[in-house]
């Protein structure tokens, strides 16, 4: 699931493409993280590279950075994974 700041124009979309999500500064978990590896592998399948602006060891911190307007992310769809960002949008190809 893509998460973006509430004030982002992308927050009102019903689905986001990777191309759209990656227009934001990307925030993700630090290596080694299964989530980070999954993101990198997914992007590599479509010939993209993950350009990371900010990293954290905690998923909730990633969500809080997004909520603070520092960028966007993709996180597993689970309760409170967005750390209050409030802009959870399904990500699609």
PDB file of N, CA and C in Angstrom:
ATOM      1  N   UNK A   1       0.842  -1.169   0.000  1.00  0.00           N
ATOM      2  CA  UNK A   1       0.000   0.000   0.000  1.00  0.00           C
ATOM      3  C   UNK A   1       0.890   1.237   0.000  1.00  0.00           C
ATOM      4  N   UNK A   2       0.560   2.164  -0.866  1.00  0.00           N
ATOM      5  CA  UNK A   2       1.278   3.433  -0.914  1.00  0.00           C
ATOM      6  C   UNK A   2       0.746   4.340   0.182  1.00  0.00           C
ATOM      7  N   UNK A   3       1.644   5.064   0.836  1.00  0.00           N
ATOM      8  CA  UNK A   3       1.223   6.100   1.774  1.00  0.00           C
ATOM      9  C   UNK A   3       1.874   7.411   1.362  1.00  0.00           C
ATOM     10  N   UNK A   4       1.072   8.452   1.413  1.00  0.00           N
ATOM     11  CA  UNK A   4       1.518   9.788   1.012  1.00  0.00           C
ATOM     12  C   UNK A   4       0.986  10.788   2.032  1.00  0.00           C
ATOM     13  N   UNK A   5       1.597  11.959   2.125  1.00  0.00           N
ATOM     14  CA  UNK A   5       1.084  12.967   3.057  1.00  0.00           C
ATOM     15  C   UNK A   5      -0.360  13.340   2.718  1.00  0.00           C
ATOM     16  N   UNK A   6      -1.154  13.647   3.738  1.00  0.00           N
ATOM     17  CA  UNK A   6      -2.560  14.006   3.541  1.00  0.00           C
ATOM     18  C   UNK A   6      -2.723  15.157   2.561  1.00  0.00           C
ATOM     19  N   UNK A   7      -1.783  16.097   2.589  1.00  0.00           N
ATOM     20  CA  UNK A   7      -1.904  17.280   1.740  1.00  0.00           C
ATOM     21  C   UNK A   7      -1.399  17.061   0.310  1.00  0.00           C
ATOM     22  N   UNK A   8      -0.861  15.892   0.019  1.00  0.00           N
ATOM     23  CA  UNK A   8      -0.381  15.594  -1.328  1.00  0.00           C
ATOM     24  C   UNK A   8      -1.561  15.425  -2.284  1.00  0.00           C
ATOM     25  N   UNK A   9      -1.449  15.940  -3.508  1.00  0.00           N
ATOM     26  CA  UNK A   9      -2.493  15.701  -4.506  1.00  0.00           C
ATOM     27  C   UNK A   9      -2.699  14.202  -4.775  1.00  0.00           C
ATOM     28  N   UNK A  10      -1.678  13.403  -4.522  1.00  0.00           N
ATOM     29  CA  UNK A  10      -1.786  11.958  -4.748  1.00  0.00           C
ATOM     30  C   UNK A  10      -2.692  11.280  -3.725  1.00  0.00           C
ATOM     31  N   UNK A  11      -2.913  11.907  -2.576  1.00  0.00           N
ATOM     32  CA  UNK A  11      -3.716  11.299  -1.508  1.00  0.00           C
ATOM     33  C   UNK A  11      -5.176  11.115  -1.914  1.00  0.00           C
ATOM     34  N   UNK A  12      -5.644  11.884  -2.867  1.00  0.00           N
ATOM     35  CA  UNK A  12      -7.049  11.789  -3.274  1.00  0.00           C
ATOM     36  C   UNK A  12      -7.287  10.735  -4.357  1.00  0.00           C
ATOM     37  N   UNK A  13      -6.225  10.128  -4.850  1.00  0.00           N
ATOM     38  CA  UNK A  13      -6.363   9.123  -5.912  1.00  0.00           C
ATOM     39  C   UNK A  13      -6.799   7.785  -5.324  1.00  0.00           C
ATOM     40  N   UNK A  14      -7.530   7.010  -6.110  1.00  0.00           N
ATOM     41  CA  UNK A  14      -7.974   5.697  -5.645  1.00  0.00           C
ATOM     42  C   UNK A  14      -6.896   4.632  -5.830  1.00  0.00           C
ATOM     43  N   UNK A  15      -5.969   4.836  -6.768  1.00  0.00           N
ATOM     44  CA  UNK A  15      -4.826   3.946  -6.991  1.00  0.00           C
ATOM     45  C   UNK A  15      -3.635   4.793  -7.416  1.00  0.00           C
ATOM     46  N   UNK A  16      -2.442   4.319  -7.092  1.00  0.00           N
ATOM     47  CA  UNK A  16      -1.214   4.995  -7.517  1.00  0.00           C
ATOM     48  C   UNK A  16      -0.340   4.025  -8.287  1.00  0.00           C
ATOM     49  N   UNK A  17       0.296   4.517  -9.324  1.00  0.00           N
ATOM     50  CA  UNK A  17       1.306   3.722 -10.027  1.00  0.00           C
ATOM     51  C   UNK A  17       2.644   3.962  -9.329  1.00  0.00           C
ATOM     52  N   UNK A  18       3.590   3.057  -9.569  1.00  0.00           N
ATOM     53  CA  UNK A  18       4.935   3.278  -9.038  1.00  0.00           C
ATOM     54  C   UNK A  18       5.495   4.586  -9.578  1.00  0.00           C
ATOM     55  N   UNK A  19       5.238   4.867 -10.839  1.00  0.00           N
ATOM     56  CA  UNK A  19       5.742   6.103 -11.442  1.00  0.00           C
ATOM     57  C   UNK A  19       5.263   7.317 -10.648  1.00  0.00           C
ATOM     58  N   UNK A  20       3.976   7.321 -10.283  1.00  0.00           N
ATOM     59  CA  UNK A  20       3.425   8.436  -9.506  1.00  0.00           C
ATOM     60  C   UNK A  20       4.033   8.499  -8.109  1.00  0.00           C
ATOM     61  N   UNK A  21       4.089   7.354  -7.435  1.00  0.00           N
ATOM     62  CA  UNK A  21       4.618   7.327  -6.073  1.00  0.00           C
ATOM     63  C   UNK A  21       6.075   7.765  -6.033  1.00  0.00           C
ATOM     64  N   UNK A  22       6.842   7.349  -7.027  1.00  0.00           N
ATOM     65  CA  UNK A  22       8.271   7.665  -7.026  1.00  0.00           C
ATOM     66  C   UNK A  22       8.571   9.106  -7.427  1.00  0.00           C
ATOM     67  N   UNK A  23       7.540   9.913  -7.698  1.00  0.00           N
ATOM     68  CA  UNK A  23       7.773  11.350  -7.909  1.00  0.00           C
ATOM     69  C   UNK A  23       8.022  12.046  -6.575  1.00  0.00           C
ATOM     70  N   UNK A  24       7.627  11.392  -5.475  1.00  0.00           N
ATOM     71  CA  UNK A  24       7.874  11.928  -4.137  1.00  0.00           C
ATOM     72  C   UNK A  24       9.222  11.435  -3.627  1.00  0.00           C
ATOM     73  N   UNK A  25       9.807  12.157  -2.671  1.00  0.00           N
ATOM     74  CA  UNK A  25      10.975  11.618  -1.979  1.00  0.00           C
ATOM     75  C   UNK A  25      10.525  10.317  -1.322  1.00  0.00           C
ATOM     76  N   UNK A  26      11.294   9.234  -1.517  1.00  0.00           N
ATOM     77  CA  UNK A  26      10.855   7.928  -1.042  1.00  0.00           C
ATOM     78  C   UNK A  26      11.461   7.614   0.315  1.00  0.00           C
ATOM     79  N   UNK A  27      10.601   7.183   1.228  1.00  0.00           N
ATOM     80  CA  UNK A  27      10.991   6.838   2.594  1.00  0.00           C
ATOM     81  C   UNK A  27      10.736   5.350   2.778  1.00  0.00           C
ATOM     82  N   UNK A  28      11.726   4.624   3.305  1.00  0.00           N
ATOM     83  CA  UNK A  28      11.546   3.181   3.466  1.00  0.00           C
ATOM     84  C   UNK A  28      12.355   2.667   4.644  1.00  0.00           C
ATOM     85  N   UNK A  29      12.218   1.376   4.899  1.00  0.00           N
ATOM     86  CA  UNK A  29      12.978   0.728   5.956  1.00  0.00           C
ATOM     87  C   UNK A  29      14.422   0.519   5.517  1.00  0.00           C
ATOM     88  N   UNK A  30      15.315   0.511   6.508  1.00  0.00           N
ATOM     89  CA  UNK A  30      16.725   0.262   6.219  1.00  0.00           C
ATOM     90  C   UNK A  30      16.945  -1.213   5.925  1.00  0.00           C
ATOM     91  N   UNK A  31      18.047  -1.492   5.239  1.00  0.00           N
ATOM     92  CA  UNK A  31      18.451  -2.881   5.022  1.00  0.00           C
ATOM     93  C   UNK A  31      19.050  -3.418   6.314  1.00  0.00           C
ATOM     94  N   UNK A  32      18.981  -4.673   6.627  1.00  0.00           N
ATOM     95  CA  UNK A  32      18.234  -5.699   5.910  1.00  0.00           C
ATOM     96  C   UNK A  32      16.790  -5.716   6.390  1.00  0.00           C
ATOM     97  N   UNK A  33      15.887  -5.551   5.513  1.00  0.00           N
ATOM     98  CA  UNK A  33      14.460  -5.578   5.823  1.00  0.00           C
ATOM     99  C   UNK A  33      13.760  -6.343   4.710  1.00  0.00           C
ATOM    100  N   UNK A  34      12.896  -7.267   5.090  1.00  0.00           N
ATOM    101  CA  UNK A  34      12.157  -8.035   4.083  1.00  0.00           C
ATOM    102  C   UNK A  34      11.278  -7.110   3.246  1.00  0.00           C
ATOM    103  N   UNK A  35      10.712  -6.086   3.877  1.00  0.00           N
ATOM    104  CA  UNK A  35       9.877  -5.126   3.146  1.00  0.00           C
ATOM    105  C   UNK A  35      10.723  -4.371   2.130  1.00  0.00           C
ATOM    106  N   UNK A  36      11.891  -3.922   2.533  1.00  0.00           N
ATOM    107  CA  UNK A  36      12.789  -3.190   1.627  1.00  0.00           C
ATOM    108  C   UNK A  36      13.194  -4.081   0.453  1.00  0.00           C
ATOM    109  N   UNK A  37      13.561  -5.321   0.737  1.00  0.00           N
ATOM    110  CA  UNK A  37      13.948  -6.264  -0.312  1.00  0.00           C
ATOM    111  C   UNK A  37      12.793  -6.488  -1.285  1.00  0.00           C
ATOM    112  N   UNK A  38      11.584  -6.650  -0.756  1.00  0.00           N
ATOM    113  CA  UNK A  38      10.407  -6.861  -1.594  1.00  0.00           C
ATOM    114  C   UNK A  38      10.179  -5.652  -2.510  1.00  0.00           C
ATOM    115  N   UNK A  39      10.323  -4.439  -1.980  1.00  0.00           N
ATOM    116  CA  UNK A  39      10.167  -3.228  -2.790  1.00  0.00           C
ATOM    117  C   UNK A  39      11.207  -3.175  -3.906  1.00  0.00           C
ATOM    118  N   UNK A  40      12.461  -3.432  -3.553  1.00  0.00           N
ATOM    119  CA  UNK A  40      13.537  -3.380  -4.548  1.00  0.00           C
ATOM    120  C   UNK A  40      13.328  -4.426  -5.640  1.00  0.00           C
ATOM    121  N   UNK A  41      12.902  -5.627  -5.254  1.00  0.00           N
ATOM    122  CA  UNK A  41      12.665  -6.682  -6.243  1.00  0.00           C
ATOM    123  C   UNK A  41      11.491  -6.335  -7.153  1.00  0.00           C
ATOM    124  N   UNK A  42      10.423  -5.795  -6.583  1.00  0.00           N
ATOM    125  CA  UNK A  42       9.250  -5.405  -7.377  1.00  0.00           C
ATOM    126  C   UNK A  42       9.628  -4.340  -8.402  1.00  0.00           C
ATOM    127  N   UNK A  43      10.374  -3.356  -7.988  1.00  0.00           N
ATOM    128  CA  UNK A  43      10.786  -2.298  -8.912  1.00  0.00           C
ATOM    129  C   UNK A  43      11.757  -2.826  -9.964  1.00  0.00           C
ATOM    130  N   UNK A  44      12.665  -3.707  -9.572  1.00  0.00           N
ATOM    131  CA  UNK A  44      13.638  -4.264 -10.513  1.00  0.00           C
ATOM    132  C   UNK A  44      12.942  -5.042 -11.633  1.00  0.00           C
ATOM    133  N   UNK A  45      11.835  -5.711 -11.311  1.00  0.00           N
ATOM    134  CA  UNK A  45      11.093  -6.461 -12.331  1.00  0.00           C
ATOM    135  C   UNK A  45      10.588  -5.554 -13.448  1.00  0.00           C
ATOM    136  N   UNK A  46      10.369  -4.303 -13.130  1.00  0.00           N
ATOM    137  CA  UNK A  46       9.899  -3.361 -14.155  1.00  0.00           C
ATOM    138  C   UNK A  46      11.013  -2.408 -14.597  1.00  0.00           C
ATOM    139  N   UNK A  47      12.263  -2.773 -14.276  1.00  0.00           N
ATOM    140  CA  UNK A  47      13.404  -1.986 -14.725  1.00  0.00           C
ATOM    141  C   UNK A  47      13.623  -0.693 -13.962  1.00  0.00           C
ATOM    142  N   UNK A  48      13.029  -0.584 -12.780  1.00  0.00           N
ATOM    143  CA  UNK A  48      13.198   0.622 -11.969  1.00  0.00           C
ATOM    144  C   UNK A  48      14.146   0.355 -10.809  1.00  0.00           C
ATOM    145  N   UNK A  49      14.705   1.434 -10.289  1.00  0.00           N
ATOM    146  CA  UNK A  49      15.581   1.349  -9.126  1.00  0.00           C
ATOM    147  C   UNK A  49      14.966   2.180  -8.006  1.00  0.00           C
ATOM    148  N   UNK A  50      15.068   1.696  -6.779  1.00  0.00           N
ATOM    149  CA  UNK A  50      14.545   2.416  -5.626  1.00  0.00           C
ATOM    150  C   UNK A  50      15.537   3.499  -5.224  1.00  0.00           C
ATOM    151  N   UNK A  51      15.147   4.755  -5.403  1.00  0.00           N
ATOM    152  CA  UNK A  51      15.964   5.902  -5.022  1.00  0.00           C
ATOM    153  C   UNK A  51      15.453   6.381  -3.671  1.00  0.00           C
ATOM    154  N   UNK A  52      16.188   6.090  -2.614  1.00  0.00           N
ATOM    155  CA  UNK A  52      15.733   6.328  -1.245  1.00  0.00           C
ATOM    156  C   UNK A  52      16.210   7.687  -0.737  1.00  0.00           C
ATOM    157  N   UNK A  53      15.262   8.485  -0.235  1.00  0.00           N
ATOM    158  CA  UNK A  53      15.593   9.785   0.351  1.00  0.00           C
ATOM    159  C   UNK A  53      15.847   9.662   1.853  1.00  0.00           C
ATOM    160  N   UNK A  54      15.011   8.869   2.543  1.00  0.00           N
ATOM    161  CA  UNK A  54      15.120   8.699   3.993  1.00  0.00           C
ATOM    162  C   UNK A  54      14.865   7.245   4.360  1.00  0.00           C
ATOM    163  N   UNK A  55      15.518   6.789   5.438  1.00  0.00           N
ATOM    164  CA  UNK A  55      15.366   5.412   5.908  1.00  0.00           C
ATOM    165  C   UNK A  55      15.115   5.400   7.410  1.00  0.00           C
ATOM    166  N   UNK A  56      14.504   4.313   7.875  1.00  0.00           N
ATOM    167  CA  UNK A  56      14.285   4.115   9.303  1.00  0.00           C
ATOM    168  C   UNK A  56      14.313   2.625   9.603  1.00  0.00           C
ATOM    169  N   UNK A  57      14.546   2.296  10.877  1.00  0.00           N
ATOM    170  CA  UNK A  57      14.474   0.895  11.305  1.00  0.00           C
ATOM    171  C   UNK A  57      13.050   0.488  11.655  1.00  0.00           C
ATOM    172  N   UNK A  58      12.164   1.456  11.881  1.00  0.00           N
ATOM    173  CA  UNK A  58      10.807   1.180  12.336  1.00  0.00           C
ATOM    174  C   UNK A  58       9.770   1.596  11.295  1.00  0.00           C
ATOM    175  N   UNK A  59       8.829   0.709  11.012  1.00  0.00           N
ATOM    176  CA  UNK A  59       7.772   0.998  10.049  1.00  0.00           C
ATOM    177  C   UNK A  59       6.913   2.179  10.500  1.00  0.00           C
ATOM    178  N   UNK A  60       6.630   2.256  11.791  1.00  0.00           N
ATOM    179  CA  UNK A  60       5.815   3.367  12.287  1.00  0.00           C
ATOM    180  C   UNK A  60       6.538   4.703  12.099  1.00  0.00           C
ATOM    181  N   UNK A  61       7.866   4.702  12.186  1.00  0.00           N
ATOM    182  CA  UNK A  61       8.633   5.931  11.955  1.00  0.00           C
ATOM    183  C   UNK A  61       8.543   6.343  10.496  1.00  0.00           C
ATOM    184  N   UNK A  62       8.584   5.371   9.595  1.00  0.00           N
ATOM    185  CA  UNK A  62       8.394   5.667   8.170  1.00  0.00           C
ATOM    186  C   UNK A  62       7.045   6.361   7.988  1.00  0.00           C
ATOM    187  N   UNK A  63       6.000   5.808   8.597  1.00  0.00           N
ATOM    188  CA  UNK A  63       4.672   6.405   8.507  1.00  0.00           C
ATOM    189  C   UNK A  63       4.623   7.811   9.071  1.00  0.00           C
ATOM    190  N   UNK A  64       5.310   8.040  10.158  1.00  0.00           N
ATOM    191  CA  UNK A  64       5.324   9.380  10.764  1.00  0.00           C
ATOM    192  C   UNK A  64       6.087  10.379   9.904  1.00  0.00           C
ATOM    193  N   UNK A  65       7.151   9.928   9.255  1.00  0.00           N
ATOM    194  CA  UNK A  65       7.878  10.829   8.348  1.00  0.00           C
ATOM    195  C   UNK A  65       6.989  11.220   7.173  1.00  0.00           C
ATOM    196  N   UNK A  66       6.227  10.252   6.661  1.00  0.00           N
ATOM    197  CA  UNK A  66       5.283  10.552   5.581  1.00  0.00           C
ATOM    198  C   UNK A  66       4.229  11.537   6.087  1.00  0.00           C
ATOM    199  N   UNK A  67       3.674  11.268   7.273  1.00  0.00           N
ATOM    200  CA  UNK A  67       2.649  12.146   7.844  1.00  0.00           C
ATOM    201  C   UNK A  67       3.174  13.566   8.042  1.00  0.00           C
ATOM    202  N   UNK A  68       4.477  13.699   8.271  1.00  0.00           N
ATOM    203  CA  UNK A  68       5.093  15.016   8.457  1.00  0.00           C
ATOM    204  C   UNK A  68       5.355  15.725   7.135  1.00  0.00           C
ATOM    205  N   UNK A  69       5.058  15.045   6.028  1.00  0.00           N
ATOM    206  CA  UNK A  69       5.220  15.670   4.719  1.00  0.00           C
ATOM    207  C   UNK A  69       6.589  15.510   4.092  1.00  0.00           C
ATOM    208  N   UNK A  70       7.394  14.571   4.607  1.00  0.00           N
ATOM    209  CA  UNK A  70       8.760  14.407   4.104  1.00  0.00           C
ATOM    210  C   UNK A  70       8.860  13.587   2.825  1.00  0.00           C
ATOM    211  N   UNK A  71       7.791  12.906   2.437  1.00  0.00           N
ATOM    212  CA  UNK A  71       7.826  12.086   1.230  1.00  0.00           C
ATOM    213  C   UNK A  71       6.727  11.051   1.257  1.00  0.00           C
ATOM    214  N   UNK A  72       6.888  10.018   0.431  1.00  0.00           N
ATOM    215  CA  UNK A  72       5.920   8.940   0.347  1.00  0.00           C
ATOM    216  C   UNK A  72       6.599   7.606   0.564  1.00  0.00           C
ATOM    217  N   UNK A  73       5.797   6.559   0.683  1.00  0.00           N
ATOM    218  CA  UNK A  73       6.355   5.231   0.903  1.00  0.00           C
ATOM    219  C   UNK A  73       5.376   4.169   0.424  1.00  0.00           C
ATOM    220  N   UNK A  74       5.820   2.938   0.478  1.00  0.00           N
ATOM    221  CA  UNK A  74       4.976   1.773   0.242  1.00  0.00           C
ATOM    222  C   UNK A  74       5.201   0.852   1.430  1.00  0.00           C
ATOM    223  N   UNK A  75       4.108   0.443   2.062  1.00  0.00           N
ATOM    224  CA  UNK A  75       4.185  -0.358   3.281  1.00  0.00           C
ATOM    225  C   UNK A  75       3.213  -1.525   3.185  1.00  0.00           C
ATOM    226  N   UNK A  76       3.429  -2.562   3.990  1.00  0.00           N
ATOM    227  CA  UNK A  76       2.462  -3.661   4.017  1.00  0.00           C
ATOM    228  C   UNK A  76       1.107  -3.133   4.492  1.00  0.00           C
ATOM    229  N   UNK A  77       0.016  -3.600   3.903  1.00  0.00           N
ATOM    230  CA  UNK A  77      -1.305  -3.128   4.328  1.00  0.00           C
ATOM    231  C   UNK A  77      -1.712  -3.745   5.662  1.00  0.00           C
ATOM    232  N   UNK A  78      -1.508  -3.004   6.741  1.00  0.00           N
ATOM    233  CA  UNK A  78      -1.909  -3.464   8.072  1.00  0.00           C
ATOM    234  C   UNK A  78      -2.322  -2.246   8.891  1.00  0.00           C
ATOM    235  N   UNK A  79      -3.096  -2.430   9.917  1.00  0.00           N
ATOM    236  CA  UNK A  79      -3.553  -1.296  10.711  1.00  0.00           C
ATOM    237  C   UNK A  79      -2.397  -0.464  11.262  1.00  0.00           C
ATOM    238  N   UNK A  80      -2.520   0.832  11.183  1.00  0.00           N
ATOM    239  CA  UNK A  80      -1.571   1.808  11.708  1.00  0.00           C
ATOM    240  C   UNK A  80      -0.217   1.789  11.025  1.00  0.00           C
ATOM    241  N   UNK A  81      -0.071   1.059   9.925  1.00  0.00           N
ATOM    242  CA  UNK A  81       1.216   1.020   9.234  1.00  0.00           C
ATOM    243  C   UNK A  81       1.584   2.378   8.667  1.00  0.00           C
ATOM    244  N   UNK A  82       0.588   3.247   8.461  1.00  0.00           N
ATOM    245  CA  UNK A  82       0.906   4.553   7.897  1.00  0.00           C
ATOM    246  C   UNK A  82       1.315   5.561   8.958  1.00  0.00           C
ATOM    247  N   UNK A  83       1.344   5.182  10.231  1.00  0.00           N
ATOM    248  CA  UNK A  83       1.812   6.063  11.285  1.00  0.00           C
ATOM    249  C   UNK A  83       1.033   7.358  11.383  1.00  0.00           C
ATOM    250  N   UNK A  84      -0.202   7.336  10.937  1.00  0.00           N
ATOM    251  CA  UNK A  84      -1.021   8.536  10.986  1.00  0.00           C
ATOM    252  C   UNK A  84      -0.956   9.379   9.739  1.00  0.00           C
ATOM    253  N   UNK A  85      -0.297   8.876   8.689  1.00  0.00           N
ATOM    254  CA  UNK A  85      -0.189   9.656   7.454  1.00  0.00           C
ATOM    255  C   UNK A  85      -1.570   9.934   6.880  1.00  0.00           C
ATOM    256  N   UNK A  86      -2.458   8.959   6.992  1.00  0.00           N
ATOM    257  CA  UNK A  86      -3.829   9.160   6.550  1.00  0.00           C
ATOM    258  C   UNK A  86      -4.015   9.168   5.055  1.00  0.00           C
ATOM    259  N   UNK A  87      -2.964   8.882   4.304  1.00  0.00           N
ATOM    260  CA  UNK A  87      -3.061   8.907   2.857  1.00  0.00           C
ATOM    261  C   UNK A  87      -2.808   7.560   2.237  1.00  0.00           C
ATOM    262  N   UNK A  88      -3.331   6.494   2.827  1.00  0.00           N
ATOM    263  CA  UNK A  88      -3.126   5.159   2.287  1.00  0.00           C
ATOM    264  C   UNK A  88      -3.856   4.977   0.976  1.00  0.00           C
ATOM    265  N   UNK A  89      -3.117   4.599  -0.063  1.00  0.00           N
ATOM    266  CA  UNK A  89      -3.678   4.425  -1.400  1.00  0.00           C
ATOM    267  C   UNK A  89      -3.156   3.110  -1.953  1.00  0.00           C
ATOM    268  N   UNK A  90      -4.014   2.230  -2.485  1.00  0.00           N
ATOM    269  CA  UNK A  90      -3.506   1.001  -3.089  1.00  0.00           C
ATOM    270  C   UNK A  90      -2.522   1.311  -4.217  1.00  0.00           C
ATOM    271  N   UNK A  91      -1.397   0.631  -4.213  1.00  0.00           N
ATOM    272  CA  UNK A  91      -0.390   0.823  -5.263  1.00  0.00           C
ATOM    273  C   UNK A  91      -0.567  -0.250  -6.320  1.00  0.00           C
ATOM    274  N   UNK A  92      -0.489   0.152  -7.561  1.00  0.00           N
ATOM    275  CA  UNK A  92      -0.624  -0.791  -8.670  1.00  0.00           C
ATOM    276  C   UNK A  92       0.422  -0.480  -9.716  1.00  0.00           C
ATOM    277  N   UNK A  93       1.077  -1.556 -10.249  1.00  0.00           N
ATOM    278  CA  UNK A  93       2.049  -1.467 -11.314  1.00  0.00           C
ATOM    279  C   UNK A  93       2.365  -0.112 -11.699  1.00  0.00           C
TER     280      UNK A  93
END
